[in-house]
Amino acid sequence: MKLVIAVIKPFRLEPVREALAAIGVAGMTASEARGFGRQKGQTEIYRGAEYAVNMLPKVKLEIATTDAMAEQVVETIRQTAGTGAIGDGKIFVIDLVDAVRIRTGESGEAAL
């Protein structure tokens, strides 16, 4: 099993969710996040004064998936979340040792 963690632009959340549902992803967790990468934030002008915005709003997605589907999940996120602009985000893939469904006690891939 794999845990796919994606950090994307907030306005790409709904298209990514729809694309993942279309390939059979049954569930995911989405959290609001703030961060920066190579763009190191940006400068904005508000009421004539310039402010440095060091932490940009992002959405963090967490998707537990089978080994067989992990590559398809990553490619779907990459294609759907990408705009070609700086700050599109990152995708991380981590080995997932176990998963347990609390209600039934199922574990492993059956719990996904």
Protein backbone atom coordinates (compact mmCIF):
# COMPACT_ATOMS: atom_id res chain seq x y z
CA MET A 1 0.00 0.00 0.00
CA LYS A 2 1.06 3.61 -0.58
CA LEU A 3 0.18 6.94 0.97
CA VAL A 4 0.09 9.68 -1.65
CA ILE A 5 0.44 13.19 -0.22
CA ALA A 6 -0.15 16.08 -2.61
CA VAL A 7 0.16 19.79 -1.88
CA ILE A 8 -1.76 21.74 -4.53
CA LYS A 9 -3.27 25.15 -5.24
CA PRO A 10 -6.67 25.54 -3.52
CA PHE A 11 -8.64 26.27 -6.71
CA ARG A 12 -7.49 22.92 -8.20
CA LEU A 13 -9.08 20.86 -5.37
CA GLU A 14 -12.45 20.20 -7.02
CA PRO A 15 -11.04 19.21 -10.45
CA VAL A 16 -8.54 16.88 -8.74
CA ARG A 17 -11.27 15.33 -6.57
CA GLU A 18 -13.45 14.70 -9.63
CA ALA A 19 -10.55 13.19 -11.61
CA LEU A 20 -9.62 10.88 -8.74
CA ALA A 21 -13.23 9.75 -8.33
CA ALA A 22 -13.32 8.97 -12.07
CA ILE A 23 -10.39 6.54 -11.75
CA GLY A 24 -11.94 4.80 -8.73
CA VAL A 25 -10.36 6.49 -5.70
CA ALA A 26 -12.85 5.81 -2.90
CA GLY A 27 -11.69 8.42 -0.40
CA MET A 28 -9.18 11.05 0.52
CA THR A 29 -8.47 13.61 3.20
CA ALA A 30 -8.08 17.30 2.32
CA SER A 31 -6.63 19.86 4.73
CA GLU A 32 -5.96 23.56 4.40
CA ALA A 33 -2.25 24.26 4.57
CA ARG A 34 0.13 27.19 4.23
CA GLY A 35 3.65 27.02 2.93
CA PHE A 36 6.23 28.09 0.42
CA GLY A 37 8.70 26.51 -1.94
CA ARG A 38 11.09 27.94 -4.47
CA GLN A 39 8.90 30.99 -5.06
CA LYS A 40 9.67 32.09 -1.46
CA GLY A 41 6.30 33.76 -1.07
CA GLN A 42 5.38 36.96 -2.86
CA THR A 43 4.86 40.69 -2.33
CA GLU A 44 1.38 42.17 -2.37
CA ILE A 45 0.18 45.76 -2.25
CA TYR A 46 -2.74 46.49 0.08
CA ARG A 47 -4.07 50.05 0.46
CA GLY A 48 -0.90 51.47 -0.99
CA ALA A 49 1.46 49.61 1.34
CA GLU A 50 3.62 46.69 0.25
CA TYR A 51 3.44 43.49 2.30
CA ALA A 52 5.52 40.32 2.05
CA VAL A 53 3.37 37.17 1.99
CA ASN A 54 5.74 34.43 3.11
CA MET A 55 3.28 31.56 3.50
CA LEU A 56 0.92 30.88 0.59
CA PRO A 57 -2.41 29.04 0.96
CA LYS A 58 -2.35 25.44 -0.27
CA VAL A 59 -4.45 22.29 0.06
CA LYS A 60 -2.87 19.08 1.33
CA LEU A 61 -4.41 15.84 0.03
CA GLU A 62 -3.77 12.45 1.58
CA ILE A 63 -4.82 9.34 -0.34
CA ALA A 64 -4.20 5.78 0.83
CA THR A 65 -4.12 3.46 -2.18
CA THR A 66 -2.98 0.06 -3.36
CA ASP A 67 0.46 -0.40 -4.87
CA ALA A 68 -1.17 -1.10 -8.23
CA MET A 69 -3.10 2.19 -8.31
CA ALA A 70 -0.44 4.48 -6.81
CA GLU A 71 1.17 5.44 -10.13
CA GLN A 72 -2.21 6.20 -11.72
CA VAL A 73 -3.22 8.34 -8.72
CA VAL A 74 0.04 10.33 -8.94
CA GLU A 75 -0.30 10.86 -12.69
CA THR A 76 -3.96 11.93 -12.35
CA ILE A 77 -3.07 14.50 -9.68
CA ARG A 78 -0.09 15.75 -11.71
CA GLN A 79 -2.14 16.25 -14.86
CA THR A 80 -5.18 17.76 -13.13
CA ALA A 81 -3.45 20.02 -10.58
CA GLY A 82 -0.78 21.32 -12.96
CA THR A 83 -1.21 24.80 -14.41
CA GLY A 84 2.34 25.23 -15.67
CA ALA A 85 2.94 28.07 -13.21
CA ILE A 86 5.30 28.31 -10.27
CA GLY A 87 3.72 26.99 -7.07
CA ASP A 88 1.68 24.16 -8.62
CA GLY A 89 2.76 21.96 -5.72
CA LYS A 90 4.40 18.65 -4.94
CA ILE A 91 3.43 14.99 -4.69
CA PHE A 92 5.02 12.61 -2.20
CA VAL A 93 4.57 8.82 -2.20
CA ILE A 94 5.25 6.94 1.03
CA ASP A 95 5.06 3.23 1.80
CA LEU A 96 2.06 2.53 4.02
CA VAL A 97 2.66 -0.28 6.50
CA ASP A 98 -0.96 -0.90 7.51
CA ALA A 99 -4.45 0.54 7.54
CA VAL A 100 -7.31 -0.48 9.85
CA ARG A 101 -10.99 0.30 9.36
CA ILE A 102 -12.21 1.20 12.85
CA ARG A 103 -15.84 0.11 12.35
CA THR A 104 -15.14 -3.44 11.13
CA GLY A 105 -11.57 -4.10 12.19
CA GLU A 106 -10.53 -4.92 8.58
CA SER A 107 -6.87 -4.27 7.93
CA GLY A 108 -4.51 -3.95 4.98
CA GLU A 109 -5.91 -3.31 1.49
CA ALA A 110 -9.37 -4.49 2.64
CA ALA A 111 -9.53 -1.42 4.91
CA LEU A 112 -9.01 0.97 2.00
